[in-house]
Amino acid sequence: MKVAYLFVTSGHTVSYKLGKMILPQLEAGTHGADVVGMFFFDDNTYLLRQGDPVGERLGKIARERGMLLMLCDQCATERGLAEQVDGRYQPVGVVEGVQVGCFPDLYAALSGNPPDQVISL
């Protein structure tokens, strides 16, 4: 089964559920589902700052497996993690390979490998 995660709940969600549960399972190959993408909202975007230990580990897994990591464009811009250039949002100071966009961008990015389930955390 292919899944995509939306990290919409602020607070302990990303550092705990992703950092202590999902990511270690992905690294160990025991997660049980093929994660095709993750979309981050609000302060959850900070996890993907360059140099963040959990973000760097996640970025490595994403690059190895072709997993999409995307930040909400408005959320990232408000937090200094993206800027608008020629009408498109570009990531700034984030883990290698991270994209920035809105729902239409997410749909387009996942269209070639769509998830069977979308899970909001």
PDB file of N, CA and C in Angstrom:
ATOM      1  N   MET A   1       0.843  -1.175   0.000  1.00  0.00           N
ATOM      2  CA  MET A   1       0.000   0.000   0.000  1.00  0.00           C
ATOM      3  C   MET A   1       0.889   1.239   0.000  1.00  0.00           C
ATOM      4  N   LYS A   2       0.496   2.231  -0.794  1.00  0.00           N
ATOM      5  CA  LYS A   2       1.220   3.499  -0.861  1.00  0.00           C
ATOM      6  C   LYS A   2       0.454   4.547  -0.045  1.00  0.00           C
ATOM      7  N   VAL A   3       1.194   5.297   0.784  1.00  0.00           N
ATOM      8  CA  VAL A   3       0.568   6.327   1.614  1.00  0.00           C
ATOM      9  C   VAL A   3       1.284   7.656   1.437  1.00  0.00           C
ATOM     10  N   ALA A   4       0.550   8.707   1.734  1.00  0.00           N
ATOM     11  CA  ALA A   4       1.110  10.051   1.835  1.00  0.00           C
ATOM     12  C   ALA A   4       0.663  10.609   3.177  1.00  0.00           C
ATOM     13  N   TYR A   5       1.559  11.338   3.818  1.00  0.00           N
ATOM     14  CA  TYR A   5       1.254  11.950   5.114  1.00  0.00           C
ATOM     15  C   TYR A   5       1.118  13.456   4.956  1.00  0.00           C
ATOM     16  N   LEU A   6       0.100  14.022   5.609  1.00  0.00           N
ATOM     17  CA  LEU A   6      -0.054  15.462   5.738  1.00  0.00           C
ATOM     18  C   LEU A   6       0.174  15.794   7.204  1.00  0.00           C
ATOM     19  N   PHE A   7       1.176  16.599   7.488  1.00  0.00           N
ATOM     20  CA  PHE A   7       1.456  16.994   8.866  1.00  0.00           C
ATOM     21  C   PHE A   7       0.805  18.349   9.119  1.00  0.00           C
ATOM     22  N   VAL A   8      -0.403  18.289   9.688  1.00  0.00           N
ATOM     23  CA  VAL A   8      -1.233  19.474   9.856  1.00  0.00           C
ATOM     24  C   VAL A   8      -1.373  19.917  11.307  1.00  0.00           C
ATOM     25  N   THR A   9      -1.081  19.036  12.252  1.00  0.00           N
ATOM     26  CA  THR A   9      -1.237  19.350  13.669  1.00  0.00           C
ATOM     27  C   THR A   9       0.065  19.942  14.195  1.00  0.00           C
ATOM     28  N   SER A  10      -0.018  21.139  14.725  1.00  0.00           N
ATOM     29  CA  SER A  10       1.183  21.762  15.284  1.00  0.00           C
ATOM     30  C   SER A  10       1.495  21.165  16.647  1.00  0.00           C
ATOM     31  N   GLY A  11       2.711  21.353  17.056  1.00  0.00           N
ATOM     32  CA  GLY A  11       3.117  20.870  18.369  1.00  0.00           C
ATOM     33  C   GLY A  11       4.032  19.676  18.264  1.00  0.00           C
ATOM     34  N   HIS A  12       3.739  18.682  19.046  1.00  0.00           N
ATOM     35  CA  HIS A  12       4.587  17.509  19.229  1.00  0.00           C
ATOM     36  C   HIS A  12       4.502  16.498  18.076  1.00  0.00           C
ATOM     37  N   THR A  13       3.600  16.713  17.137  1.00  0.00           N
ATOM     38  CA  THR A  13       3.332  15.723  16.096  1.00  0.00           C
ATOM     39  C   THR A  13       4.564  15.347  15.290  1.00  0.00           C
ATOM     40  N   VAL A  14       5.235  16.326  14.718  1.00  0.00           N
ATOM     41  CA  VAL A  14       6.351  16.018  13.829  1.00  0.00           C
ATOM     42  C   VAL A  14       7.533  15.478  14.609  1.00  0.00           C
ATOM     43  N   SER A  15       7.894  16.130  15.698  1.00  0.00           N
ATOM     44  CA  SER A  15       9.077  15.674  16.429  1.00  0.00           C
ATOM     45  C   SER A  15       8.857  14.294  17.051  1.00  0.00           C
ATOM     46  N   TYR A  16       7.663  14.021  17.488  1.00  0.00           N
ATOM     47  CA  TYR A  16       7.413  12.732  18.141  1.00  0.00           C
ATOM     48  C   TYR A  16       6.934  11.664  17.160  1.00  0.00           C
ATOM     49  N   LYS A  17       5.797  11.888  16.522  1.00  0.00           N
ATOM     50  CA  LYS A  17       5.227  10.849  15.659  1.00  0.00           C
ATOM     51  C   LYS A  17       6.094  10.561  14.443  1.00  0.00           C
ATOM     52  N   LEU A  18       6.632  11.594  13.827  1.00  0.00           N
ATOM     53  CA  LEU A  18       7.503  11.371  12.681  1.00  0.00           C
ATOM     54  C   LEU A  18       8.912  11.020  13.137  1.00  0.00           C
ATOM     55  N   GLY A  19       9.462  11.811  14.036  1.00  0.00           N
ATOM     56  CA  GLY A  19      10.848  11.626  14.456  1.00  0.00           C
ATOM     57  C   GLY A  19      11.118  10.374  15.263  1.00  0.00           C
ATOM     58  N   LYS A  20      10.159   9.963  16.086  1.00  0.00           N
ATOM     59  CA  LYS A  20      10.377   8.818  16.975  1.00  0.00           C
ATOM     60  C   LYS A  20       9.662   7.541  16.538  1.00  0.00           C
ATOM     61  N   MET A  21       8.706   7.665  15.630  1.00  0.00           N
ATOM     62  CA  MET A  21       7.950   6.478  15.209  1.00  0.00           C
ATOM     63  C   MET A  21       8.157   6.181  13.721  1.00  0.00           C
ATOM     64  N   ILE A  22       7.669   7.059  12.868  1.00  0.00           N
ATOM     65  CA  ILE A  22       7.661   6.795  11.428  1.00  0.00           C
ATOM     66  C   ILE A  22       9.076   6.742  10.855  1.00  0.00           C
ATOM     67  N   LEU A  23       9.895   7.745  11.130  1.00  0.00           N
ATOM     68  CA  LEU A  23      11.234   7.790  10.541  1.00  0.00           C
ATOM     69  C   LEU A  23      12.094   6.584  10.930  1.00  0.00           C
ATOM     70  N   PRO A  24      12.156   6.191  12.201  1.00  0.00           N
ATOM     71  CA  PRO A  24      12.937   4.992  12.520  1.00  0.00           C
ATOM     72  C   PRO A  24      12.432   3.743  11.796  1.00  0.00           C
ATOM     73  N   GLN A  25      11.127   3.639  11.614  1.00  0.00           N
ATOM     74  CA  GLN A  25      10.576   2.502  10.878  1.00  0.00           C
ATOM     75  C   GLN A  25      10.991   2.553   9.407  1.00  0.00           C
ATOM     76  N   LEU A  26      10.968   3.754   8.819  1.00  0.00           N
ATOM     77  CA  LEU A  26      11.406   3.896   7.429  1.00  0.00           C
ATOM     78  C   LEU A  26      12.876   3.510   7.291  1.00  0.00           C
ATOM     79  N   GLU A  27      13.687   3.969   8.233  1.00  0.00           N
ATOM     80  CA  GLU A  27      15.115   3.666   8.191  1.00  0.00           C
ATOM     81  C   GLU A  27      15.380   2.169   8.345  1.00  0.00           C
ATOM     82  N   ALA A  28      14.580   1.508   9.158  1.00  0.00           N
ATOM     83  CA  ALA A  28      14.751   0.074   9.409  1.00  0.00           C
ATOM     84  C   ALA A  28      14.052  -0.800   8.365  1.00  0.00           C
ATOM     85  N   GLY A  29      13.239  -0.176   7.503  1.00  0.00           N
ATOM     86  CA  GLY A  29      12.498  -0.939   6.510  1.00  0.00           C
ATOM     87  C   GLY A  29      11.329  -1.707   7.079  1.00  0.00           C
ATOM     88  N   THR A  30      10.790  -1.241   8.220  1.00  0.00           N
ATOM     89  CA  THR A  30       9.697  -1.951   8.893  1.00  0.00           C
ATOM     90  C   THR A  30       8.392  -1.153   8.951  1.00  0.00           C
ATOM     91  N   HIS A  31       8.284  -0.079   8.182  1.00  0.00           N
ATOM     92  CA  HIS A  31       7.100   0.784   8.277  1.00  0.00           C
ATOM     93  C   HIS A  31       5.832   0.079   7.800  1.00  0.00           C
ATOM     94  N   GLY A  32       5.953  -0.798   6.832  1.00  0.00           N
ATOM     95  CA  GLY A  32       4.796  -1.575   6.395  1.00  0.00           C
ATOM     96  C   GLY A  32       4.011  -0.958   5.259  1.00  0.00           C
ATOM     97  N   ALA A  33       4.343   0.262   4.861  1.00  0.00           N
ATOM     98  CA  ALA A  33       3.701   0.909   3.725  1.00  0.00           C
ATOM     99  C   ALA A  33       4.774   1.661   2.952  1.00  0.00           C
ATOM    100  N   ASP A  34       4.527   1.855   1.678  1.00  0.00           N
ATOM    101  CA  ASP A  34       5.422   2.624   0.825  1.00  0.00           C
ATOM    102  C   ASP A  34       4.991   4.092   0.932  1.00  0.00           C
ATOM    103  N   VAL A  35       5.810   4.910   1.568  1.00  0.00           N
ATOM    104  CA  VAL A  35       5.485   6.328   1.733  1.00  0.00           C
ATOM    105  C   VAL A  35       5.943   7.062   0.475  1.00  0.00           C
ATOM    106  N   VAL A  36       4.974   7.622  -0.256  1.00  0.00           N
ATOM    107  CA  VAL A  36       5.289   8.307  -1.512  1.00  0.00           C
ATOM    108  C   VAL A  36       5.446   9.806  -1.341  1.00  0.00           C
ATOM    109  N   GLY A  37       4.943  10.354  -0.236  1.00  0.00           N
ATOM    110  CA  GLY A  37       5.074  11.787  -0.031  1.00  0.00           C
ATOM    111  C   GLY A  37       4.666  12.232   1.350  1.00  0.00           C
ATOM    112  N   MET A  38       5.195  13.415   1.706  1.00  0.00           N
ATOM    113  CA  MET A  38       4.850  14.072   2.965  1.00  0.00           C
ATOM    114  C   MET A  38       4.703  15.561   2.683  1.00  0.00           C
ATOM    115  N   PHE A  39       3.642  16.142   3.234  1.00  0.00           N
ATOM    116  CA  PHE A  39       3.343  17.563   3.041  1.00  0.00           C
ATOM    117  C   PHE A  39       3.257  18.198   4.426  1.00  0.00           C
ATOM    118  N   PHE A  40       3.979  19.287   4.645  1.00  0.00           N
ATOM    119  CA  PHE A  40       4.126  19.900   5.962  1.00  0.00           C
ATOM    120  C   PHE A  40       3.489  21.286   6.013  1.00  0.00           C
ATOM    121  N   PHE A  41       2.715  21.525   7.071  1.00  0.00           N
ATOM    122  CA  PHE A  41       2.044  22.800   7.292  1.00  0.00           C
ATOM    123  C   PHE A  41       2.557  23.475   8.568  1.00  0.00           C
ATOM    124  N   ASP A  42       2.309  24.774   8.660  1.00  0.00           N
ATOM    125  CA  ASP A  42       2.544  25.564   9.864  1.00  0.00           C
ATOM    126  C   ASP A  42       3.962  25.373  10.393  1.00  0.00           C
ATOM    127  N   ASP A  43       4.132  25.286  11.706  1.00  0.00           N
ATOM    128  CA  ASP A  43       5.467  25.156  12.288  1.00  0.00           C
ATOM    129  C   ASP A  43       6.120  23.812  11.985  1.00  0.00           C
ATOM    130  N   ASN A  44       5.357  22.864  11.472  1.00  0.00           N
ATOM    131  CA  ASN A  44       5.934  21.578  11.075  1.00  0.00           C
ATOM    132  C   ASN A  44       6.975  21.759   9.970  1.00  0.00           C
ATOM    133  N   THR A  45       6.885  22.862   9.240  1.00  0.00           N
ATOM    134  CA  THR A  45       7.851  23.127   8.170  1.00  0.00           C
ATOM    135  C   THR A  45       9.274  23.272   8.716  1.00  0.00           C
ATOM    136  N   TYR A  46       9.406  23.719   9.956  1.00  0.00           N
ATOM    137  CA  TYR A  46      10.736  23.903  10.542  1.00  0.00           C
ATOM    138  C   TYR A  46      11.552  22.605  10.592  1.00  0.00           C
ATOM    139  N   LEU A  47      10.892  21.465  10.618  1.00  0.00           N
ATOM    140  CA  LEU A  47      11.604  20.194  10.679  1.00  0.00           C
ATOM    141  C   LEU A  47      12.550  20.033   9.495  1.00  0.00           C
ATOM    142  N   LEU A  48      12.204  20.632   8.366  1.00  0.00           N
ATOM    143  CA  LEU A  48      13.001  20.441   7.157  1.00  0.00           C
ATOM    144  C   LEU A  48      14.027  21.543   6.924  1.00  0.00           C
ATOM    145  N   ARG A  49      14.347  22.297   7.977  1.00  0.00           N
ATOM    146  CA  ARG A  49      15.439  23.267   7.862  1.00  0.00           C
ATOM    147  C   ARG A  49      16.757  22.533   7.699  1.00  0.00           C
ATOM    148  N   GLN A  50      17.630  23.104   6.898  1.00  0.00           N
ATOM    149  CA  GLN A  50      18.972  22.544   6.749  1.00  0.00           C
ATOM    150  C   GLN A  50      19.614  22.413   8.115  1.00  0.00           C
ATOM    151  N   GLY A  51      20.228  21.260   8.372  1.00  0.00           N
ATOM    152  CA  GLY A  51      20.924  21.045   9.625  1.00  0.00           C
ATOM    153  C   GLY A  51      20.085  20.421  10.721  1.00  0.00           C
ATOM    154  N   ASP A  52      18.762  20.398  10.570  1.00  0.00           N
ATOM    155  CA  ASP A  52      17.925  19.740  11.574  1.00  0.00           C
ATOM    156  C   ASP A  52      18.202  18.239  11.491  1.00  0.00           C
ATOM    157  N   PRO A  53      18.589  17.601  12.610  1.00  0.00           N
ATOM    158  CA  PRO A  53      18.967  16.179  12.543  1.00  0.00           C
ATOM    159  C   PRO A  53      17.863  15.270  12.005  1.00  0.00           C
ATOM    160  N   VAL A  54      16.634  15.468  12.454  1.00  0.00           N
ATOM    161  CA  VAL A  54      15.533  14.628  11.980  1.00  0.00           C
ATOM    162  C   VAL A  54      15.240  14.946  10.511  1.00  0.00           C
ATOM    163  N   GLY A  55      15.231  16.216  10.174  1.00  0.00           N
ATOM    164  CA  GLY A  55      14.990  16.614   8.793  1.00  0.00           C
ATOM    165  C   GLY A  55      16.033  16.081   7.833  1.00  0.00           C
ATOM    166  N   GLU A  56      17.287  16.107   8.242  1.00  0.00           N
ATOM    167  CA  GLU A  56      18.363  15.584   7.385  1.00  0.00           C
ATOM    168  C   GLU A  56      18.222  14.076   7.198  1.00  0.00           C
ATOM    169  N   ARG A  57      17.859  13.357   8.256  1.00  0.00           N
ATOM    170  CA  ARG A  57      17.642  11.910   8.142  1.00  0.00           C
ATOM    171  C   ARG A  57      16.474  11.623   7.196  1.00  0.00           C
ATOM    172  N   LEU A  58      15.394  12.392   7.346  1.00  0.00           N
ATOM    173  CA  LEU A  58      14.234  12.216   6.488  1.00  0.00           C
ATOM    174  C   LEU A  58      14.589  12.543   5.037  1.00  0.00           C
ATOM    175  N   GLY A  59      15.346  13.607   4.838  1.00  0.00           N
ATOM    176  CA  GLY A  59      15.763  13.978   3.494  1.00  0.00           C
ATOM    177  C   GLY A  59      16.571  12.879   2.817  1.00  0.00           C
ATOM    178  N   LYS A  60      17.436  12.247   3.572  1.00  0.00           N
ATOM    179  CA  LYS A  60      18.252  11.148   3.040  1.00  0.00           C
ATOM    180  C   LYS A  60      17.362  10.000   2.573  1.00  0.00           C
ATOM    181  N   ILE A  61      16.412   9.606   3.414  1.00  0.00           N
ATOM    182  CA  ILE A  61      15.464   8.534   3.061  1.00  0.00           C
ATOM    183  C   ILE A  61      14.663   8.925   1.826  1.00  0.00           C
ATOM    184  N   ALA A  62      14.194  10.176   1.794  1.00  0.00           N
ATOM    185  CA  ALA A  62      13.379  10.643   0.669  1.00  0.00           C
ATOM    186  C   ALA A  62      14.171  10.593  -0.636  1.00  0.00           C
ATOM    187  N   ARG A  63      15.413  11.033  -0.603  1.00  0.00           N
ATOM    188  CA  ARG A  63      16.238  11.001  -1.815  1.00  0.00           C
ATOM    189  C   ARG A  63      16.497   9.565  -2.265  1.00  0.00           C
ATOM    190  N   GLU A  64      16.763   8.686  -1.336  1.00  0.00           N
ATOM    191  CA  GLU A  64      17.036   7.282  -1.677  1.00  0.00           C
ATOM    192  C   GLU A  64      15.816   6.588  -2.281  1.00  0.00           C
ATOM    193  N   ARG A  65      14.629   6.962  -1.815  1.00  0.00           N
ATOM    194  CA  ARG A  65      13.405   6.245  -2.219  1.00  0.00           C
ATOM    195  C   ARG A  65      12.516   7.015  -3.175  1.00  0.00           C
ATOM    196  N   GLY A  66      12.919   8.221  -3.556  1.00  0.00           N
ATOM    197  CA  GLY A  66      12.086   9.013  -4.456  1.00  0.00           C
ATOM    198  C   GLY A  66      10.817   9.520  -3.804  1.00  0.00           C
ATOM    199  N   MET A  67      10.874   9.761  -2.495  1.00  0.00           N
ATOM    200  CA  MET A  67       9.717  10.234  -1.731  1.00  0.00           C
ATOM    201  C   MET A  67       9.626  11.759  -1.814  1.00  0.00           C
ATOM    202  N   LEU A  68       8.444  12.256  -2.067  1.00  0.00           N
ATOM    203  CA  LEU A  68       8.209  13.696  -2.116  1.00  0.00           C
ATOM    204  C   LEU A  68       8.183  14.288  -0.711  1.00  0.00           C
ATOM    205  N   LEU A  69       8.935  15.366  -0.510  1.00  0.00           N
ATOM    206  CA  LEU A  69       8.837  16.177   0.703  1.00  0.00           C
ATOM    207  C   LEU A  69       8.467  17.577   0.247  1.00  0.00           C
ATOM    208  N   MET A  70       7.311  18.065   0.704  1.00  0.00           N
ATOM    209  CA  MET A  70       6.837  19.371   0.260  1.00  0.00           C
ATOM    210  C   MET A  70       6.370  20.200   1.446  1.00  0.00           C
ATOM    211  N   LEU A  71       6.719  21.483   1.397  1.00  0.00           N
ATOM    212  CA  LEU A  71       6.269  22.452   2.390  1.00  0.00           C
ATOM    213  C   LEU A  71       5.143  23.285   1.803  1.00  0.00           C
ATOM    214  N   CYS A  72       4.143  23.582   2.601  1.00  0.00           N
ATOM    215  CA  CYS A  72       3.096  24.527   2.204  1.00  0.00           C
ATOM    216  C   CYS A  72       3.771  25.851   1.859  1.00  0.00           C
ATOM    217  N   ASP A  73       3.480  26.389   0.688  1.00  0.00           N
ATOM    218  CA  ASP A  73       4.166  27.605   0.244  1.00  0.00           C
ATOM    219  C   ASP A  73       3.950  28.792   1.177  1.00  0.00           C
ATOM    220  N   GLN A  74       2.737  29.026   1.601  1.00  0.00           N
ATOM    221  CA  GLN A  74       2.458  30.153   2.491  1.00  0.00           C
ATOM    222  C   GLN A  74       3.094  29.963   3.866  1.00  0.00           C
ATOM    223  N   CYS A  75       3.008  28.747   4.390  1.00  0.00           N
ATOM    224  CA  CYS A  75       3.596  28.444   5.701  1.00  0.00           C
ATOM    225  C   CYS A  75       5.109  28.609   5.665  1.00  0.00           C
ATOM    226  N   ALA A  76       5.737  28.118   4.606  1.00  0.00           N
ATOM    227  CA  ALA A  76       7.186  28.208   4.472  1.00  0.00           C
ATOM    228  C   ALA A  76       7.640  29.650   4.278  1.00  0.00           C
ATOM    229  N   THR A  77       6.908  30.407   3.502  1.00  0.00           N
ATOM    230  CA  THR A  77       7.269  31.807   3.258  1.00  0.00           C
ATOM    231  C   THR A  77       7.192  32.604   4.556  1.00  0.00           C
ATOM    232  N   GLU A  78       6.133  32.405   5.322  1.00  0.00           N
ATOM    233  CA  GLU A  78       5.986  33.112   6.598  1.00  0.00           C
ATOM    234  C   GLU A  78       7.105  32.795   7.575  1.00  0.00           C
ATOM    235  N   ARG A  79       7.746  31.651   7.410  1.00  0.00           N
ATOM    236  CA  ARG A  79       8.805  31.209   8.333  1.00  0.00           C
ATOM    237  C   ARG A  79      10.208  31.351   7.748  1.00  0.00           C
ATOM    238  N   GLY A  80      10.302  32.028   6.610  1.00  0.00           N
ATOM    239  CA  GLY A  80      11.600  32.272   5.998  1.00  0.00           C
ATOM    240  C   GLY A  80      12.215  31.056   5.332  1.00  0.00           C
ATOM    241  N   LEU A  81      11.403  30.078   4.996  1.00  0.00           N
ATOM    242  CA  LEU A  81      11.899  28.849   4.374  1.00  0.00           C
ATOM    243  C   LEU A  81      11.599  28.781   2.879  1.00  0.00           C
ATOM    244  N   ALA A  82      11.018  29.851   2.348  1.00  0.00           N
ATOM    245  CA  ALA A  82      10.731  29.925   0.915  1.00  0.00           C
ATOM    246  C   ALA A  82      10.622  31.387   0.516  1.00  0.00           C
ATOM    247  N   GLU A  83      10.826  31.620  -0.761  1.00  0.00           N
ATOM    248  CA  GLU A  83      10.625  32.957  -1.320  1.00  0.00           C
ATOM    249  C   GLU A  83      10.018  32.808  -2.703  1.00  0.00           C
ATOM    250  N   GLN A  84       9.316  33.831  -3.106  1.00  0.00           N
ATOM    251  CA  GLN A  84       8.680  33.781  -4.411  1.00  0.00           C
ATOM    252  C   GLN A  84       9.618  34.401  -5.443  1.00  0.00           C
ATOM    253  N   VAL A  85       9.883  33.632  -6.499  1.00  0.00           N
ATOM    254  CA  VAL A  85      10.759  34.080  -7.581  1.00  0.00           C
ATOM    255  C   VAL A  85      10.025  33.840  -8.895  1.00  0.00           C
ATOM    256  N   ASP A  86       9.772  34.910  -9.629  1.00  0.00           N
ATOM    257  CA  ASP A  86       9.072  34.804 -10.918  1.00  0.00           C
ATOM    258  C   ASP A  86       7.754  34.048 -10.800  1.00  0.00           C
ATOM    259  N   GLY A  87       7.004  34.326  -9.732  1.00  0.00           N
ATOM    260  CA  GLY A  87       5.693  33.726  -9.548  1.00  0.00           C
ATOM    261  C   GLY A  87       5.694  32.304  -8.994  1.00  0.00           C
ATOM    262  N   ARG A  88       6.873  31.732  -8.734  1.00  0.00           N
ATOM    263  CA  ARG A  88       6.985  30.374  -8.182  1.00  0.00           C
ATOM    264  C   ARG A  88       7.688  30.437  -6.838  1.00  0.00           C
ATOM    265  N   TYR A  89       7.323  29.554  -5.946  1.00  0.00           N
ATOM    266  CA  TYR A  89       7.962  29.499  -4.630  1.00  0.00           C
ATOM    267  C   TYR A  89       9.201  28.613  -4.698  1.00  0.00           C
ATOM    268  N   GLN A  90      10.278  29.114  -4.134  1.00  0.00           N
ATOM    269  CA  GLN A  90      11.550  28.394  -4.096  1.00  0.00           C
ATOM    270  C   GLN A  90      11.937  28.162  -2.641  1.00  0.00           C
ATOM    271  N   PRO A  91      12.420  26.968  -2.316  1.00  0.00           N
ATOM    272  CA  PRO A  91      12.850  26.703  -0.941  1.00  0.00           C
ATOM    273  C   PRO A  91      14.104  27.496  -0.598  1.00  0.00           C
ATOM    274  N   VAL A  92      14.233  27.852   0.685  1.00  0.00           N
ATOM    275  CA  VAL A  92      15.387  28.608   1.179  1.00  0.00           C
ATOM    276  C   VAL A  92      15.864  27.947   2.476  1.00  0.00           C
ATOM    277  N   GLY A  93      17.102  27.504   2.502  1.00  0.00           N
ATOM    278  CA  GLY A  93      17.680  26.964   3.731  1.00  0.00           C
ATOM    279  C   GLY A  93      17.036  25.704   4.243  1.00  0.00           C
ATOM    280  N   VAL A  94      16.585  24.857   3.323  1.00  0.00           N
ATOM    281  CA  VAL A  94      15.945  23.608   3.728  1.00  0.00           C
ATOM    282  C   VAL A  94      16.775  22.416   3.255  1.00  0.00           C
ATOM    283  N   VAL A  95      16.415  21.256   3.737  1.00  0.00           N
ATOM    284  CA  VAL A  95      17.061  19.999   3.382  1.00  0.00           C
ATOM    285  C   VAL A  95      17.018  19.823   1.858  1.00  0.00           C
ATOM    286  N   GLU A  96      18.067  19.259   1.318  1.00  0.00           N
ATOM    287  CA  GLU A  96      18.173  19.023  -0.125  1.00  0.00           C
ATOM    288  C   GLU A  96      16.992  18.220  -0.650  1.00  0.00           C
ATOM    289  N   GLY A  97      16.414  18.691  -1.748  1.00  0.00           N
ATOM    290  CA  GLY A  97      15.330  17.979  -2.415  1.00  0.00           C
ATOM    291  C   GLY A  97      13.932  18.382  -1.995  1.00  0.00           C
ATOM    292  N   VAL A  98      13.812  19.211  -0.957  1.00  0.00           N
ATOM    293  CA  VAL A  98      12.493  19.638  -0.484  1.00  0.00           C
ATOM    294  C   VAL A  98      11.876  20.602  -1.494  1.00  0.00           C
ATOM    295  N   GLN A  99      10.589  20.411  -1.762  1.00  0.00           N
ATOM    296  CA  GLN A  99       9.852  21.291  -2.660  1.00  0.00           C
ATOM    297  C   GLN A  99       8.901  22.167  -1.857  1.00  0.00           C
ATOM    298  N   VAL A 100       8.438  23.225  -2.480  1.00  0.00           N
ATOM    299  CA  VAL A 100       7.491  24.150  -1.864  1.00  0.00           C
ATOM    300  C   VAL A 100       6.323  24.316  -2.823  1.00  0.00           C
ATOM    301  N   GLY A 101       5.104  24.228  -2.285  1.00  0.00           N
ATOM    302  CA  GLY A 101       3.955  24.399  -3.159  1.00  0.00           C
ATOM    303  C   GLY A 101       2.649  24.399  -2.403  1.00  0.00           C
ATOM    304  N   CYS A 102       1.580  24.402  -3.177  1.00  0.00           N
ATOM    305  CA  CYS A 102       0.227  24.376  -2.635  1.00  0.00           C
ATOM    306  C   CYS A 102      -0.427  23.071  -3.105  1.00  0.00           C
ATOM    307  N   PHE A 103      -1.680  22.871  -2.756  1.00  0.00           N
ATOM    308  CA  PHE A 103      -2.327  21.609  -3.102  1.00  0.00           C
ATOM    309  C   PHE A 103      -2.245  21.256  -4.590  1.00  0.00           C
ATOM    310  N   PRO A 104      -2.457  22.189  -5.517  1.00  0.00           N
ATOM    311  CA  PRO A 104      -2.317  21.797  -6.926  1.00  0.00           C
ATOM    312  C   PRO A 104      -0.919  21.262  -7.253  1.00  0.00           C
ATOM    313  N   ASP A 105       0.110  21.832  -6.612  1.00  0.00           N
ATOM    314  CA  ASP A 105       1.478  21.350  -6.815  1.00  0.00           C
ATOM    315  C   ASP A 105       1.653  19.949  -6.228  1.00  0.00           C
ATOM    316  N   LEU A 106       1.052  19.721  -5.066  1.00  0.00           N
ATOM    317  CA  LEU A 106       1.105  18.408  -4.428  1.00  0.00           C
ATOM    318  C   LEU A 106       0.448  17.364  -5.324  1.00  0.00           C
ATOM    319  N   TYR A 107      -0.740  17.681  -5.846  1.00  0.00           N
ATOM    320  CA  TYR A 107      -1.442  16.743  -6.713  1.00  0.00           C
ATOM    321  C   TYR A 107      -0.602  16.409  -7.945  1.00  0.00           C
ATOM    322  N   ALA A 108      -0.016  17.427  -8.550  1.00  0.00           N
ATOM    323  CA  ALA A 108       0.809  17.217  -9.746  1.00  0.00           C
ATOM    324  C   ALA A 108       2.036  16.372  -9.417  1.00  0.00           C
ATOM    325  N   ALA A 109       2.674  16.666  -8.291  1.00  0.00           N
ATOM    326  CA  ALA A 109       3.889  15.945  -7.911  1.00  0.00           C
ATOM    327  C   ALA A 109       3.611  14.471  -7.612  1.00  0.00           C
ATOM    328  N   LEU A 110       2.436  14.169  -7.090  1.00  0.00           N
ATOM    329  CA  LEU A 110       2.095  12.783  -6.752  1.00  0.00           C
ATOM    330  C   LEU A 110       1.351  12.052  -7.873  1.00  0.00           C
ATOM    331  N   SER A 111       1.035  12.751  -8.943  1.00  0.00           N
ATOM    332  CA  SER A 111       0.209  12.142  -9.997  1.00  0.00           C
ATOM    333  C   SER A 111       0.865  10.938 -10.661  1.00  0.00           C
ATOM    334  N   GLY A 112       2.190  10.923 -10.736  1.00  0.00           N
ATOM    335  CA  GLY A 112       2.875   9.795 -11.344  1.00  0.00           C
ATOM    336  C   GLY A 112       3.011   8.596 -10.423  1.00  0.00           C
ATOM    337  N   ASN A 113       2.795   8.804  -9.140  1.00  0.00           N
ATOM    338  CA  ASN A 113       2.900   7.735  -8.144  1.00  0.00           C
ATOM    339  C   ASN A 113       1.905   8.028  -7.019  1.00  0.00           C
ATOM    340  N   PRO A 114       0.620   7.972  -7.318  1.00  0.00           N
ATOM    341  CA  PRO A 114      -0.384   8.392  -6.334  1.00  0.00           C
ATOM    342  C   PRO A 114      -0.502   7.436  -5.148  1.00  0.00           C
ATOM    343  N   PRO A 115      -0.796   8.007  -3.976  1.00  0.00           N
ATOM    344  CA  PRO A 115      -0.995   7.159  -2.796  1.00  0.00           C
ATOM    345  C   PRO A 115      -2.357   6.471  -2.836  1.00  0.00           C
ATOM    346  N   ASP A 116      -2.433   5.327  -2.150  1.00  0.00           N
ATOM    347  CA  ASP A 116      -3.715   4.660  -1.954  1.00  0.00           C
ATOM    348  C   ASP A 116      -4.467   5.287  -0.781  1.00  0.00           C
ATOM    349  N   GLN A 117      -3.703   5.802   0.181  1.00  0.00           N
ATOM    350  CA  GLN A 117      -4.272   6.408   1.385  1.00  0.00           C
ATOM    351  C   GLN A 117      -3.536   7.709   1.692  1.00  0.00           C
ATOM    352  N   VAL A 118      -4.263   8.678   2.212  1.00  0.00           N
ATOM    353  CA  VAL A 118      -3.673   9.913   2.715  1.00  0.00           C
ATOM    354  C   VAL A 118      -3.973   9.985   4.195  1.00  0.00           C
ATOM    355  N   ILE A 119      -2.924  10.180   4.989  1.00  0.00           N
ATOM    356  CA  ILE A 119      -3.070  10.178   6.442  1.00  0.00           C
ATOM    357  C   ILE A 119      -2.693  11.557   6.972  1.00  0.00           C
ATOM    358  N   SER A 120      -3.583  12.175   7.722  1.00  0.00           N
ATOM    359  CA  SER A 120      -3.328  13.478   8.340  1.00  0.00           C
ATOM    360  C   SER A 120      -2.916  13.283   9.779  1.00  0.00           C
ATOM    361  N   LEU A 121      -1.821  13.867  10.159  1.00  0.00           N
ATOM    362  CA  LEU A 121      -1.330  13.821  11.537  1.00  0.00           C
ATOM    363  C   LEU A 121      -1.132  15.230  12.030  1.00  0.00           C
TER     364      LEU A 121
END
